[in-house]
Amino acid sequence: MIRAQTFTGTPLDWTGQTQGVWVDAQGATPEELARLQAAFPLNRLALEDALEQGHWSRAEVYPEHAFVTIRSFARPADADEFTERLSLFLYPDAVLTLSSAGTRALEAVWGLVGRESVNTASEIGYELLDQTADTFFTLADALEGRVEALEERVFTDGRRNPVAEVFALKHVLAQGRRLSTDAREAVTLLVRHAGGTTAELVRYRDVLDSFTRVSSRLDGLRDFLTSLLDLHLNLQSQRMNEVMRTLTAVSVIFLPLTFLAGVWGMNFQHMPELHTRFGYAFAWASFLLIGGLLAAYFKRRGWW
């Protein structure tokens, strides 16, 4: 599907216009690609990169045009691993975008064209890159919410093991960190080699700063998850120590009782305690007194 609109925001049926127009091709057929190649000078290497499935983010300035392809998350608010990719061919007075089925940034910018701040090729390119950077911030916000909820569960629900969820989040974070770093490097190359006015370069540097900041946020979340995992292991170790301390206190209480029961359980003939009228009651009283004193002592010391 090919759609087009002028820089004033007016939609039109694309019939080969190459000036003052933004042409967007989604899931283009071979026939549609042939029409685009006949109208626009497309560098062969750039077109191959744009059509290759799973290609990483990169940028290059060719004699025919500037080229950027950016991979981002398709559903950043859900913090899943599904991605989408947008390729931009930037001409002095035209923009060509290629994608398999559109992107979030593409649809957001499509409705902005023709307004005061979006009416040139460089401004459209900037907005597309900026909106793509915003999807990474949306991902970071979603991941921060999940990490905070996980942190609360670590402190309040010691029975639930968070290790699997921690590693699942770290997997998404690693992917987000890789994609944002690739995008940052692509924009860096565009800023370094693309021509244009000072205002245009300032816009691209703003996008570069956005990708840098979101990479730092993802790095911070990754480090926080590592600390959270260490905290969980420490809490588990602490709980185990408390259980062992309680079991040890109980064992110490029963140790003298077991000793007395063993002594009085010997079958020697001359044991005066065995023939005492109140020997059984005395034995129980000894057990309760010793056990009670030890229990009170351990309780006072906070050992159970």
Protein backbone atom coordinates (compact mmCIF):
# COMPACT_ATOMS: atom_id res chain seq x y z
CA MET A 1 0.00 0.00 0.00
CA ILE A 2 1.30 3.44 -0.96
CA ARG A 3 -0.16 6.63 0.46
CA ALA A 4 1.08 10.18 0.13
CA GLN A 5 0.47 13.71 1.32
CA THR A 6 2.03 17.07 0.65
CA PHE A 7 4.02 18.96 3.27
CA THR A 8 0.88 21.03 3.85
CA GLY A 9 -0.88 17.91 5.14
CA THR A 10 -3.09 17.42 2.07
CA PRO A 11 -3.59 13.72 1.19
CA LEU A 12 -3.23 12.81 -2.46
CA ASP A 13 -3.21 9.83 -4.79
CA TRP A 14 0.45 9.31 -5.48
CA THR A 15 1.17 9.36 -9.19
CA GLY A 16 4.92 9.83 -9.07
CA GLN A 17 5.28 13.20 -7.30
CA THR A 18 8.76 13.71 -5.85
CA GLN A 19 8.71 17.33 -4.64
CA GLY A 20 7.12 18.63 -1.44
CA VAL A 21 5.62 15.23 -0.71
CA TRP A 22 5.83 12.46 1.88
CA VAL A 23 5.30 9.02 0.38
CA ASP A 24 4.67 6.14 2.76
CA ALA A 25 4.79 2.52 1.56
CA GLN A 26 3.64 -0.25 3.90
CA GLY A 27 4.11 -3.87 2.87
CA ALA A 28 4.97 -2.73 -0.64
CA THR A 29 4.55 -5.26 -3.44
CA PRO A 30 7.25 -5.73 -6.12
CA GLU A 31 5.15 -3.63 -8.49
CA GLU A 32 4.88 -0.80 -5.96
CA LEU A 33 8.62 -0.96 -5.27
CA ALA A 34 9.24 -0.69 -9.00
CA ARG A 35 7.08 2.46 -9.11
CA LEU A 36 9.04 3.95 -6.21
CA GLN A 37 12.38 3.14 -7.84
CA ALA A 38 11.21 4.75 -11.07
CA ALA A 39 10.26 7.97 -9.25
CA PHE A 40 12.93 8.27 -6.55
CA PRO A 41 16.68 7.70 -6.84
CA LEU A 42 17.08 4.85 -4.33
CA ASN A 43 20.52 3.65 -3.40
CA ARG A 44 20.73 -0.12 -3.91
CA LEU A 45 22.38 -0.83 -0.56
CA ALA A 46 19.88 1.31 1.32
CA LEU A 47 16.94 -0.41 -0.35
CA GLU A 48 18.37 -3.84 0.48
CA ASP A 49 18.71 -2.84 4.13
CA ALA A 50 15.16 -1.49 4.18
CA LEU A 51 13.71 -4.71 2.76
CA GLU A 52 15.79 -7.13 4.82
CA GLN A 53 13.82 -8.72 7.64
CA GLY A 54 15.29 -8.26 11.11
CA HIS A 55 17.86 -5.67 10.04
CA TRP A 56 19.37 -3.66 12.88
CA SER A 57 19.16 0.12 13.21
CA ARG A 58 21.64 2.03 11.11
CA ALA A 59 22.09 5.26 9.16
CA GLU A 60 24.10 6.32 6.14
CA VAL A 61 24.34 9.34 3.88
CA TYR A 62 24.43 8.26 0.24
CA PRO A 63 24.89 10.53 -2.77
CA GLU A 64 21.21 10.06 -3.61
CA HIS A 65 19.74 10.63 -0.14
CA ALA A 66 20.19 10.22 3.60
CA PHE A 67 18.99 6.86 4.89
CA VAL A 68 17.93 5.77 8.38
CA THR A 69 16.37 2.51 9.51
CA ILE A 70 15.24 2.27 13.13
CA ARG A 71 13.97 -0.77 15.03
CA SER A 72 11.75 -0.13 18.04
CA PHE A 73 9.13 -1.89 20.16
CA ALA A 74 5.71 -2.54 18.66
CA ARG A 75 3.88 -2.59 22.03
CA PRO A 76 6.10 -0.67 24.46
CA ALA A 77 3.33 -0.17 27.01
CA ASP A 78 3.07 -3.96 27.37
CA ALA A 79 6.85 -4.29 27.79
CA ASP A 80 7.01 -7.33 25.53
CA GLU A 81 9.69 -8.25 23.01
CA PHE A 82 7.78 -7.67 19.76
CA THR A 83 9.49 -5.12 17.51
CA GLU A 84 8.78 -3.07 14.40
CA ARG A 85 11.04 -1.26 11.96
CA LEU A 86 10.79 1.96 9.96
CA SER A 87 13.12 2.99 7.12
CA LEU A 88 13.44 6.64 6.06
CA PHE A 89 14.80 7.96 2.79
CA LEU A 90 15.37 11.68 3.30
CA TYR A 91 15.63 13.95 0.24
CA PRO A 92 16.00 17.73 0.23
CA ASP A 93 12.31 18.21 -0.59
CA ALA A 94 10.74 14.77 -0.12
CA VAL A 95 10.46 11.91 2.35
CA LEU A 96 9.98 8.24 1.55
CA THR A 97 9.21 5.75 4.34
CA LEU A 98 9.12 1.97 4.06
CA SER A 99 7.77 -0.46 6.63
CA SER A 100 6.14 -3.88 6.70
CA ALA A 101 2.92 -2.79 8.42
CA GLY A 102 3.45 0.73 9.74
CA THR A 103 4.77 1.76 13.15
CA ARG A 104 3.49 3.70 16.15
CA ALA A 105 5.74 6.65 15.32
CA LEU A 106 4.64 6.66 11.70
CA GLU A 107 0.95 6.93 12.54
CA ALA A 108 1.62 9.59 15.17
CA VAL A 109 3.56 11.84 12.78
CA TRP A 110 1.29 11.29 9.79
CA GLY A 111 -1.36 13.46 11.38
CA LEU A 112 1.12 16.19 12.35
CA VAL A 113 2.25 17.07 8.84
CA GLY A 114 1.07 20.47 7.71
CA ARG A 115 1.12 22.04 11.13
CA GLU A 116 3.43 24.92 11.91
CA SER A 117 6.40 22.83 13.12
CA VAL A 118 6.15 19.92 10.66
CA ASN A 119 6.20 21.08 7.05
CA THR A 120 9.62 20.19 5.63
CA ALA A 121 11.46 16.95 4.93
CA SER A 122 13.93 17.44 7.76
CA GLU A 123 11.13 18.25 10.22
CA ILE A 124 9.25 15.08 9.24
CA GLY A 125 12.43 13.05 9.67
CA TYR A 126 13.04 14.61 13.07
CA GLU A 127 9.49 13.93 14.26
CA LEU A 128 9.64 10.31 13.12
CA LEU A 129 12.89 9.73 15.00
CA ASP A 130 11.66 11.64 18.04
CA GLN A 131 8.41 9.67 18.22
CA THR A 132 10.41 6.47 17.90
CA ALA A 133 12.55 7.57 20.85
CA ASP A 134 9.35 8.21 22.80
CA THR A 135 8.37 4.55 22.40
CA PHE A 136 11.52 3.61 24.32
CA PHE A 137 10.52 6.00 27.12
CA THR A 138 7.10 4.33 27.17
CA LEU A 139 8.86 0.98 27.48
CA ALA A 140 11.03 2.31 30.33
CA ASP A 141 7.94 3.62 32.16
CA ALA A 142 6.18 0.26 31.81
CA LEU A 143 9.24 -1.64 33.01
CA GLU A 144 9.68 0.71 35.98
CA GLY A 145 6.09 -0.01 37.03
CA ARG A 146 6.66 -3.75 36.84
CA VAL A 147 9.95 -3.50 38.72
CA GLU A 148 8.35 -1.46 41.51
CA ALA A 149 5.53 -4.01 41.83
CA LEU A 150 8.10 -6.80 41.92
CA GLU A 151 10.07 -4.99 44.61
CA GLU A 152 6.96 -4.70 46.76
CA ARG A 153 6.23 -8.41 46.41
CA VAL A 154 9.78 -9.28 47.42
CA PHE A 155 9.24 -7.50 50.75
CA THR A 156 5.62 -8.51 51.39
CA ASP A 157 5.31 -12.01 49.92
CA GLY A 158 8.30 -14.11 50.89
CA ARG A 159 6.68 -17.32 49.68
CA ARG A 160 6.65 -16.28 46.02
CA ASN A 161 9.89 -16.78 44.14
CA PRO A 162 10.56 -13.74 41.88
CA VAL A 163 13.66 -15.14 40.16
CA ALA A 164 11.86 -16.17 36.95
CA GLU A 165 10.17 -12.78 36.62
CA VAL A 166 13.44 -10.95 37.31
CA PHE A 167 15.19 -12.79 34.49
CA ALA A 168 12.23 -12.22 32.14
CA LEU A 169 12.43 -8.48 32.81
CA LYS A 170 16.20 -8.51 32.37
CA HIS A 171 15.70 -10.17 28.98
CA VAL A 172 13.37 -7.36 27.83
CA LEU A 173 15.73 -4.77 29.30
CA ALA A 174 18.69 -6.25 27.46
CA GLN A 175 16.76 -6.16 24.19
CA GLY A 176 15.62 -2.58 24.83
CA ARG A 177 19.15 -1.53 25.72
CA ARG A 178 20.50 -3.09 22.51
CA LEU A 179 17.84 -1.49 20.29
CA SER A 180 18.20 1.95 21.87
CA THR A 181 21.98 1.78 21.57
CA ASP A 182 21.75 0.82 17.90
CA ALA A 183 19.30 3.68 17.30
CA ARG A 184 21.58 6.12 19.10
CA GLU A 185 24.53 5.09 16.97
CA ALA A 186 22.45 5.47 13.81
CA VAL A 187 21.37 8.98 14.76
CA THR A 188 24.97 9.80 15.68
CA LEU A 189 26.09 8.89 12.16
CA LEU A 190 23.26 10.96 10.72
CA VAL A 191 24.27 14.01 12.79
CA ARG A 192 27.93 13.52 11.87
CA HIS A 193 27.57 13.10 8.12
CA ALA A 194 24.26 14.61 7.07
CA GLY A 195 24.23 18.11 5.72
CA GLY A 196 21.66 20.73 6.61
CA THR A 197 21.13 23.92 8.51
CA THR A 198 22.14 24.43 12.10
CA ALA A 199 18.51 24.14 13.20
CA GLU A 200 18.19 20.76 11.49
CA LEU A 201 21.33 19.44 13.17
CA VAL A 202 20.09 20.71 16.54
CA ARG A 203 16.90 18.70 16.07
CA TYR A 204 18.83 15.51 15.36
CA ARG A 205 21.07 16.14 18.36
CA ASP A 206 17.91 16.41 20.45
CA VAL A 207 16.87 12.95 19.24
CA LEU A 208 20.37 11.69 19.98
CA ASP A 209 20.06 13.00 23.53
CA SER A 210 16.69 11.23 23.91
CA PHE A 211 18.17 7.88 22.91
CA THR A 212 21.12 8.47 25.26
CA ARG A 213 18.84 9.25 28.21
CA VAL A 214 16.58 6.26 27.62
CA SER A 215 19.63 3.98 27.39
CA SER A 216 20.75 5.30 30.77
CA ARG A 217 17.31 4.63 32.25
CA LEU A 218 17.35 1.06 30.96
CA ASP A 219 20.85 0.58 32.36
CA GLY A 220 19.64 1.82 35.74
CA LEU A 221 16.69 -0.58 35.68
CA ARG A 222 18.99 -3.48 34.81
CA ASP A 223 21.28 -2.65 37.74
CA PHE A 224 18.26 -2.27 40.02
CA LEU A 225 16.98 -5.71 39.03
CA THR A 226 20.38 -7.20 39.84
CA SER A 227 20.26 -5.52 43.25
CA LEU A 228 16.68 -6.71 43.74
CA LEU A 229 17.70 -10.28 43.02
CA ASP A 230 20.56 -10.00 45.52
CA LEU A 231 18.12 -8.55 48.05
CA HIS A 232 15.72 -11.46 47.54
CA LEU A 233 18.51 -13.97 48.10
CA ASN A 234 19.61 -12.10 51.24
CA LEU A 235 16.05 -12.05 52.57
CA GLN A 236 15.69 -15.75 51.89
CA SER A 237 18.96 -16.38 53.70
CA GLN A 238 17.79 -14.21 56.61
CA ARG A 239 14.50 -16.09 56.86
CA MET A 240 16.37 -19.37 56.80
CA ASN A 241 18.64 -18.13 59.58
CA GLU A 242 15.60 -17.17 61.66
CA VAL A 243 14.09 -20.62 61.16
CA MET A 244 17.36 -22.29 62.10
CA ARG A 245 17.67 -20.07 65.17
CA THR A 246 14.17 -21.04 66.31
CA LEU A 247 14.86 -24.74 65.72
CA THR A 248 18.15 -24.43 67.60
CA ALA A 249 16.40 -22.76 70.56
CA VAL A 250 13.82 -25.56 70.67
CA SER A 251 16.57 -28.17 70.51
CA VAL A 252 18.46 -26.51 73.37
CA ILE A 253 15.28 -26.46 75.48
CA PHE A 254 14.74 -30.18 75.00
CA LEU A 255 18.40 -31.09 75.44
CA PRO A 256 18.43 -31.02 79.31
CA LEU A 257 14.99 -32.61 79.39
CA THR A 258 16.23 -35.43 77.21
CA PHE A 259 19.24 -35.83 79.50
CA LEU A 260 17.07 -36.09 82.64
CA ALA A 261 14.66 -38.48 80.95
CA GLY A 262 17.63 -40.63 79.92
CA VAL A 263 19.08 -40.64 83.43
CA TRP A 264 15.80 -41.54 85.08
CA GLY A 265 15.12 -44.10 82.41
CA MET A 266 18.14 -46.24 83.37
CA ASN A 267 17.25 -49.62 84.88
CA PHE A 268 19.62 -49.69 87.82
CA GLN A 269 18.18 -51.34 90.93
CA HIS A 270 19.38 -48.76 93.46
CA MET A 271 17.97 -45.50 92.15
CA PRO A 272 16.26 -43.69 95.04
CA GLU A 273 14.27 -41.42 92.72
CA LEU A 274 12.42 -44.38 91.22
CA HIS A 275 10.95 -45.39 94.59
CA THR A 276 9.93 -41.92 95.70
CA ARG A 277 6.17 -41.53 96.05
CA PHE A 278 6.14 -38.21 94.22
CA GLY A 279 9.02 -39.01 91.86
CA TYR A 280 6.87 -38.88 88.71
CA ALA A 281 5.40 -35.52 89.67
CA PHE A 282 8.88 -34.26 90.58
CA ALA A 283 10.19 -35.31 87.18
CA TRP A 284 7.44 -33.43 85.34
CA ALA A 285 7.93 -30.40 87.53
CA SER A 286 11.65 -30.46 86.71
CA PHE A 287 10.90 -30.72 83.00
CA LEU A 288 8.43 -27.82 83.07
CA LEU A 289 10.64 -25.63 85.23
CA ILE A 290 13.81 -26.11 83.19
CA GLY A 291 11.95 -25.84 79.88
CA GLY A 292 10.06 -22.74 81.02
CA LEU A 293 13.21 -21.00 82.29
CA LEU A 294 15.09 -21.69 79.06
CA ALA A 295 12.11 -20.60 76.94
CA ALA A 296 11.80 -17.35 78.92
CA TYR A 297 15.53 -16.71 78.60
CA PHE A 298 15.55 -17.26 74.82
CA LYS A 299 12.45 -15.11 74.42
CA ARG A 300 14.07 -12.31 76.40
CA ARG A 301 17.16 -12.46 74.21
CA GLY A 302 15.00 -12.44 71.07
CA TRP A 303 16.21 -15.80 69.86
CA TRP A 304 12.74 -16.96 68.91
